[in-house]
PDB file of N, CA and C in Angstrom:
ATOM      1  N   MET A   1     103.200 119.971  93.862  1.00  0.00           N
ATOM      2  CA  MET A   1     103.076 118.999  94.939  1.00  0.00           C
ATOM      3  C   MET A   1     103.019 119.761  96.241  1.00  0.00           C
ATOM      4  N   ARG A   2     102.119 119.339  97.101  1.00  0.00           N
ATOM      5  CA  ARG A   2     102.064 119.941  98.425  1.00  0.00           C
ATOM      6  C   ARG A   2     101.848 118.842  99.448  1.00  0.00           C
ATOM      7  N   VAL A   3     102.255 119.114 100.644  1.00  0.00           N
ATOM      8  CA  VAL A   3     102.095 118.161 101.735  1.00  0.00           C
ATOM      9  C   VAL A   3     100.963 118.665 102.616  1.00  0.00           C
ATOM     10  N   SER A   4      99.974 117.831 102.864  1.00  0.00           N
ATOM     11  CA  SER A   4      98.835 118.186 103.704  1.00  0.00           C
ATOM     12  C   SER A   4      98.597 117.078 104.714  1.00  0.00           C
ATOM     13  N   THR A   5      97.998 117.443 105.809  1.00  0.00           N
ATOM     14  CA  THR A   5      97.629 116.470 106.829  1.00  0.00           C
ATOM     15  C   THR A   5      96.124 116.553 107.028  1.00  0.00           C
ATOM     16  N   GLY A   6      95.491 115.411 107.107  1.00  0.00           N
ATOM     17  CA  GLY A   6      94.048 115.384 107.288  1.00  0.00           C
ATOM     18  C   GLY A   6      93.661 114.425 108.391  1.00  0.00           C
ATOM     19  N   THR A   7      92.375 114.372 108.648  1.00  0.00           N
ATOM     20  CA  THR A   7      91.817 113.495 109.665  1.00  0.00           C
ATOM     21  C   THR A   7      90.671 112.711 109.042  1.00  0.00           C
ATOM     22  N   VAL A   8      90.589 111.430 109.358  1.00  0.00           N
ATOM     23  CA  VAL A   8      89.489 110.622 108.848  1.00  0.00           C
ATOM     24  C   VAL A   8      88.258 110.881 109.708  1.00  0.00           C
ATOM     25  N   VAL A   9      87.157 111.284 109.049  1.00  0.00           N
ATOM     26  CA  VAL A   9      85.886 111.543 109.711  1.00  0.00           C
ATOM     27  C   VAL A   9      84.810 110.836 108.895  1.00  0.00           C
ATOM     28  N   ASN A  10      84.134 109.902 109.518  1.00  0.00           N
ATOM     29  CA  ASN A  10      83.095 109.119 108.831  1.00  0.00           C
ATOM     30  C   ASN A  10      83.619 108.475 107.547  1.00  0.00           C
ATOM     31  N   GLY A  11      84.844 107.967 107.610  1.00  0.00           N
ATOM     32  CA  GLY A  11      85.406 107.250 106.467  1.00  0.00           C
ATOM     33  C   GLY A  11      85.975 108.127 105.370  1.00  0.00           C
ATOM     34  N   ARG A  12      85.955 109.433 105.542  1.00  0.00           N
ATOM     35  CA  ARG A  12      86.504 110.353 104.537  1.00  0.00           C
ATOM     36  C   ARG A  12      87.627 111.165 105.178  1.00  0.00           C
ATOM     37  N   ILE A  13      88.578 111.555 104.349  1.00  0.00           N
ATOM     38  CA  ILE A  13      89.691 112.356 104.855  1.00  0.00           C
ATOM     39  C   ILE A  13      89.341 113.826 104.721  1.00  0.00           C
ATOM     40  N   GLU A  14      89.379 114.544 105.844  1.00  0.00           N
ATOM     41  CA  GLU A  14      89.122 115.977 105.844  1.00  0.00           C
ATOM     42  C   GLU A  14      90.449 116.705 106.015  1.00  0.00           C
ATOM     43  N   VAL A  15      90.721 117.624 105.085  1.00  0.00           N
ATOM     44  CA  VAL A  15      91.945 118.413 105.125  1.00  0.00           C
ATOM     45  C   VAL A  15      91.561 119.839 105.505  1.00  0.00           C
ATOM     46  N   PRO A  16      92.087 120.346 106.633  1.00  0.00           N
ATOM     47  CA  PRO A  16      91.716 121.698 107.051  1.00  0.00           C
ATOM     48  C   PRO A  16      92.263 122.745 106.083  1.00  0.00           C
ATOM     49  N   GLY A  17      91.673 123.933 106.134  1.00  0.00           N
ATOM     50  CA  GLY A  17      92.124 125.022 105.259  1.00  0.00           C
ATOM     51  C   GLY A  17      91.520 124.866 103.882  1.00  0.00           C
ATOM     52  N   GLU A  18      92.236 125.373 102.893  1.00  0.00           N
ATOM     53  CA  GLU A  18      91.705 125.277 101.538  1.00  0.00           C
ATOM     54  C   GLU A  18      91.675 123.829 101.091  1.00  0.00           C
ATOM     55  N   GLY A  19      90.613 123.459 100.436  1.00  0.00           N
ATOM     56  CA  GLY A  19      90.443 122.079 100.016  1.00  0.00           C
ATOM     57  C   GLY A  19      91.292 121.738  98.803  1.00  0.00           C
ATOM     58  N   LEU A  20      91.308 120.488  98.489  1.00  0.00           N
ATOM     59  CA  LEU A  20      91.989 120.026  97.292  1.00  0.00           C
ATOM     60  C   LEU A  20      91.038 120.158  96.122  1.00  0.00           C
ATOM     61  N   PRO A  21      91.559 120.357  94.920  1.00  0.00           N
ATOM     62  CA  PRO A  21      90.666 120.481  93.764  1.00  0.00           C
ATOM     63  C   PRO A  21      89.932 119.168  93.497  1.00  0.00           C
ATOM     64  N   GLU A  22      88.711 119.267  93.033  1.00  0.00           N
ATOM     65  CA  GLU A  22      87.905 118.086  92.717  1.00  0.00           C
ATOM     66  C   GLU A  22      88.664 117.217  91.713  1.00  0.00           C
ATOM     67  N   GLY A  23      88.725 115.933  91.984  1.00  0.00           N
ATOM     68  CA  GLY A  23      89.399 114.995  91.092  1.00  0.00           C
ATOM     69  C   GLY A  23      90.898 114.899  91.312  1.00  0.00           C
ATOM     70  N   ALA A  24      91.430 115.629  92.295  1.00  0.00           N
ATOM     71  CA  ALA A  24      92.868 115.580  92.560  1.00  0.00           C
ATOM     72  C   ALA A  24      93.268 114.165  92.950  1.00  0.00           C
ATOM     73  N   GLU A  25      94.373 113.700  92.411  1.00  0.00           N
ATOM     74  CA  GLU A  25      94.902 112.388  92.776  1.00  0.00           C
ATOM     75  C   GLU A  25      95.827 112.578  93.964  1.00  0.00           C
ATOM     76  N   VAL A  26      95.629 111.781  95.008  1.00  0.00           N
ATOM     77  CA  VAL A  26      96.413 111.928  96.231  1.00  0.00           C
ATOM     78  C   VAL A  26      97.039 110.589  96.616  1.00  0.00           C
ATOM     79  N   THR A  27      98.083 110.668  97.402  1.00  0.00           N
ATOM     80  CA  THR A  27      98.715 109.486  97.970  1.00  0.00           C
ATOM     81  C   THR A  27      98.526 109.559  99.477  1.00  0.00           C
ATOM     82  N   ILE A  28      98.114 108.464 100.069  1.00  0.00           N
ATOM     83  CA  ILE A  28      97.841 108.437 101.500  1.00  0.00           C
ATOM     84  C   ILE A  28      98.801 107.463 102.173  1.00  0.00           C
ATOM     85  N   LEU A  29      99.490 107.935 103.188  1.00  0.00           N
ATOM     86  CA  LEU A  29     100.340 107.090 104.009  1.00  0.00           C
ATOM     87  C   LEU A  29      99.671 106.970 105.362  1.00  0.00           C
ATOM     88  N   SER A  30      99.369 105.755 105.755  1.00  0.00           N
ATOM     89  CA  SER A  30      98.664 105.542 107.004  1.00  0.00           C
ATOM     90  C   SER A  30      99.377 104.467 107.811  1.00  0.00           C
ATOM     91  N   PRO A  31     100.057 104.858 108.893  1.00  0.00           N
ATOM     92  CA  PRO A  31     100.793 103.864 109.670  1.00  0.00           C
ATOM     93  C   PRO A  31      99.854 102.916 110.409  1.00  0.00           C
ATOM     94  N   GLU A  32     100.273 101.688 110.516  1.00  0.00           N
ATOM     95  CA  GLU A  32      99.561 100.718 111.348  1.00  0.00           C
ATOM     96  C   GLU A  32      99.899 101.024 112.809  1.00  0.00           C
ATOM     97  N   ASP A  33      99.067 100.579 113.725  1.00  0.00           N
ATOM     98  CA  ASP A  33      99.299 100.857 115.143  1.00  0.00           C
ATOM     99  C   ASP A  33     100.663 100.362 115.609  1.00  0.00           C
ATOM    100  N   HIS A  34     101.088  99.234 115.117  1.00  0.00           N
ATOM    101  CA  HIS A  34     102.336  98.623 115.566  1.00  0.00           C
ATOM    102  C   HIS A  34     103.502  98.907 114.628  1.00  0.00           C
ATOM    103  N   GLU A  35     103.244  99.630 113.555  1.00  0.00           N
ATOM    104  CA  GLU A  35     104.249  99.820 112.526  1.00  0.00           C
ATOM    105  C   GLU A  35     105.119 101.053 112.809  1.00  0.00           C
ATOM    106  N   THR A  36     106.414 100.871 112.701  1.00  0.00           N
ATOM    107  CA  THR A  36     107.364 101.975 112.833  1.00  0.00           C
ATOM    108  C   THR A  36     108.420 101.830 111.750  1.00  0.00           C
ATOM    109  N   PHE A  37     109.187 102.856 111.556  1.00  0.00           N
ATOM    110  CA  PHE A  37     110.327 102.754 110.664  1.00  0.00           C
ATOM    111  C   PHE A  37     111.449 103.615 111.218  1.00  0.00           C
ATOM    112  N   THR A  38     112.647 103.284 110.830  1.00  0.00           N
ATOM    113  CA  THR A  38     113.825 103.994 111.310  1.00  0.00           C
ATOM    114  C   THR A  38     114.637 104.460 110.117  1.00  0.00           C
ATOM    115  N   LEU A  39     115.095 105.683 110.181  1.00  0.00           N
ATOM    116  CA  LEU A  39     115.965 106.225 109.146  1.00  0.00           C
ATOM    117  C   LEU A  39     117.351 106.429 109.731  1.00  0.00           C
ATOM    118  N   GLY A  40     118.340 106.229 108.898  1.00  0.00           N
ATOM    119  CA  GLY A  40     119.695 106.583 109.288  1.00  0.00           C
ATOM    120  C   GLY A  40     119.826 108.097 109.280  1.00  0.00           C
ATOM    121  N   ALA A  41     120.913 108.602 109.824  1.00  0.00           N
ATOM    122  CA  ALA A  41     121.117 110.046 109.943  1.00  0.00           C
ATOM    123  C   ALA A  41     121.074 110.733 108.576  1.00  0.00           C
ATOM    124  N   GLU A  42     121.699 110.136 107.569  1.00  0.00           N
ATOM    125  CA  GLU A  42     121.741 110.740 106.236  1.00  0.00           C
ATOM    126  C   GLU A  42     120.346 110.783 105.597  1.00  0.00           C
ATOM    127  N   ALA A  43     119.598 109.684 105.695  1.00  0.00           N
ATOM    128  CA  ALA A  43     118.254 109.630 105.121  1.00  0.00           C
ATOM    129  C   ALA A  43     117.319 110.587 105.852  1.00  0.00           C
ATOM    130  N   GLU A  44     117.461 110.685 107.182  1.00  0.00           N
ATOM    131  CA  GLU A  44     116.623 111.603 107.947  1.00  0.00           C
ATOM    132  C   GLU A  44     116.903 113.050 107.542  1.00  0.00           C
ATOM    133  N   ALA A  45     118.168 113.400 107.385  1.00  0.00           N
ATOM    134  CA  ALA A  45     118.531 114.760 106.967  1.00  0.00           C
ATOM    135  C   ALA A  45     117.956 115.069 105.587  1.00  0.00           C
ATOM    136  N   ALA A  46     118.023 114.098 104.667  1.00  0.00           N
ATOM    137  CA  ALA A  46     117.483 114.296 103.321  1.00  0.00           C
ATOM    138  C   ALA A  46     115.973 114.475 103.371  1.00  0.00           C
ATOM    139  N   LEU A  47     115.286 113.672 104.170  1.00  0.00           N
ATOM    140  CA  LEU A  47     113.838 113.785 104.302  1.00  0.00           C
ATOM    141  C   LEU A  47     113.451 115.145 104.880  1.00  0.00           C
ATOM    142  N   LEU A  48     114.120 115.582 105.927  1.00  0.00           N
ATOM    143  CA  LEU A  48     113.816 116.883 106.532  1.00  0.00           C
ATOM    144  C   LEU A  48     114.065 118.026 105.547  1.00  0.00           C
ATOM    145  N   ALA A  49     115.112 117.903 104.734  1.00  0.00           N
ATOM    146  CA  ALA A  49     115.400 118.929 103.722  1.00  0.00           C
ATOM    147  C   ALA A  49     114.279 118.989 102.690  1.00  0.00           C
ATOM    148  N   ARG A  50     113.780 117.833 102.260  1.00  0.00           N
ATOM    149  CA  ARG A  50     112.681 117.808 101.278  1.00  0.00           C
ATOM    150  C   ARG A  50     111.397 118.379 101.877  1.00  0.00           C
ATOM    151  N   ILE A  51     111.137 118.083 103.146  1.00  0.00           N
ATOM    152  CA  ILE A  51     109.953 118.633 103.810  1.00  0.00           C
ATOM    153  C   ILE A  51     110.050 120.156 103.862  1.00  0.00           C
ATOM    154  N   GLU A  52     111.228 120.675 104.198  1.00  0.00           N
ATOM    155  CA  GLU A  52     111.416 122.128 104.237  1.00  0.00           C
ATOM    156  C   GLU A  52     111.188 122.738 102.859  1.00  0.00           C
ATOM    157  N   GLU A  53     111.665 122.067 101.799  1.00  0.00           N
ATOM    158  CA  GLU A  53     111.440 122.566 100.441  1.00  0.00           C
ATOM    159  C   GLU A  53     109.951 122.626 100.133  1.00  0.00           C
ATOM    160  N   ALA A  54     109.222 121.586 100.493  1.00  0.00           N
ATOM    161  CA  ALA A  54     107.789 121.543 100.231  1.00  0.00           C
ATOM    162  C   ALA A  54     107.071 122.646 101.003  1.00  0.00           C
ATOM    163  N   GLU A  55     107.469 122.880 102.244  1.00  0.00           N
ATOM    164  CA  GLU A  55     106.840 123.924 103.043  1.00  0.00           C
ATOM    165  C   GLU A  55     107.107 125.314 102.470  1.00  0.00           C
ATOM    166  N   ARG A  56     108.258 125.494 101.798  1.00  0.00           N
ATOM    167  CA  ARG A  56     108.583 126.775 101.146  1.00  0.00           C
ATOM    168  C   ARG A  56     107.963 126.858  99.760  1.00  0.00           C
ATOM    169  N   ASP A  57     107.270 125.801  99.347  1.00  0.00           N
ATOM    170  CA  ASP A  57     106.704 125.701  98.000  1.00  0.00           C
ATOM    171  C   ASP A  57     107.808 125.720  96.947  1.00  0.00           C
ATOM    172  N   ASP A  58     108.975 125.204  97.302  1.00  0.00           N
ATOM    173  CA  ASP A  58     110.129 125.108  96.398  1.00  0.00           C
ATOM    174  C   ASP A  58     110.065 123.734  95.730  1.00  0.00           C
ATOM    175  N   VAL A  59     109.108 123.592  94.827  1.00  0.00           N
ATOM    176  CA  VAL A  59     108.855 122.304  94.195  1.00  0.00           C
ATOM    177  C   VAL A  59     108.804 122.471  92.682  1.00  0.00           C
ATOM    178  N   ILE A  60     108.783 121.362  91.971  1.00  0.00           N
ATOM    179  CA  ILE A  60     108.664 121.396  90.520  1.00  0.00           C
ATOM    180  C   ILE A  60     107.331 120.772  90.128  1.00  0.00           C
ATOM    181  N   SER A  61     106.906 121.053  88.911  1.00  0.00           N
ATOM    182  CA  SER A  61     105.650 120.490  88.441  1.00  0.00           C
ATOM    183  C   SER A  61     105.815 118.998  88.168  1.00  0.00           C
ATOM    184  N   SER A  62     104.703 118.295  88.103  1.00  0.00           N
ATOM    185  CA  SER A  62     104.765 116.860  87.800  1.00  0.00           C
ATOM    186  C   SER A  62     105.322 116.629  86.402  1.00  0.00           C
ATOM    187  N   ASP A  63     105.009 117.522  85.455  1.00  0.00           N
ATOM    188  CA  ASP A  63     105.560 117.385  84.095  1.00  0.00           C
ATOM    189  C   ASP A  63     107.077 117.485  84.099  1.00  0.00           C
ATOM    190  N   GLU A  64     107.597 118.452  84.865  1.00  0.00           N
ATOM    191  CA  GLU A  64     109.043 118.612  84.952  1.00  0.00           C
ATOM    192  C   GLU A  64     109.689 117.399  85.619  1.00  0.00           C
ATOM    193  N   LEU A  65     109.059 116.878  86.656  1.00  0.00           N
ATOM    194  CA  LEU A  65     109.573 115.688  87.322  1.00  0.00           C
ATOM    195  C   LEU A  65     109.645 114.514  86.356  1.00  0.00           C
ATOM    196  N   LEU A  66     108.587 114.306  85.596  1.00  0.00           N
ATOM    197  CA  LEU A  66     108.581 113.204  84.629  1.00  0.00           C
ATOM    198  C   LEU A  66     109.668 113.373  83.573  1.00  0.00           C
ATOM    199  N   ARG A  67     109.869 114.605  83.117  1.00  0.00           N
ATOM    200  CA  ARG A  67     110.952 114.845  82.146  1.00  0.00           C
ATOM    201  C   ARG A  67     112.304 114.485  82.745  1.00  0.00           C
ATOM    202  N   GLU A  68     112.526 114.887  83.995  1.00  0.00           N
ATOM    203  CA  GLU A  68     113.802 114.578  84.652  1.00  0.00           C
ATOM    204  C   GLU A  68     113.979 113.084  84.858  1.00  0.00           C
ATOM    205  N   LEU A  69     112.910 112.392  85.223  1.00  0.00           N
ATOM    206  CA  LEU A  69     112.999 110.945  85.414  1.00  0.00           C
ATOM    207  C   LEU A  69     113.300 110.221  84.111  1.00  0.00           C
ATOM    208  N   ARG A  70     112.726 110.701  83.013  1.00  0.00           N
ATOM    209  CA  ARG A  70     112.984 110.067  81.711  1.00  0.00           C
ATOM    210  C   ARG A  70     114.428 110.257  81.267  1.00  0.00           C
ATOM    211  N   LYS A  71     115.045 111.373  81.666  1.00  0.00           N
ATOM    212  CA  LYS A  71     116.450 111.621  81.320  1.00  0.00           C
ATOM    213  C   LYS A  71     117.357 110.580  81.990  1.00  0.00           C
ATOM    214  N   GLY A  72     116.937 110.144  83.164  1.00  0.00           N
ATOM    215  CA  GLY A  72     117.707 109.125  83.883  1.00  0.00           C
ATOM    216  C   GLY A  72     118.720 109.740  84.718  1.00  0.00           C
TER     217      GLY A  72
END
């Protein structure tokens, strides 16, 4: 899993740098102009910690994630 930021150009999302592999499944979060959200201090700290992990490439494979989720 990696976190990337792109820009919509002519209806398509362009991601700078190395591209995503053909057929890659992606999730897109797109805020509405008027939409905001607020996190409590604990949730914000957890989110920032996960972002730092992703930036360090300290992640697990999707197969490993699914195995962990099935364990409960």
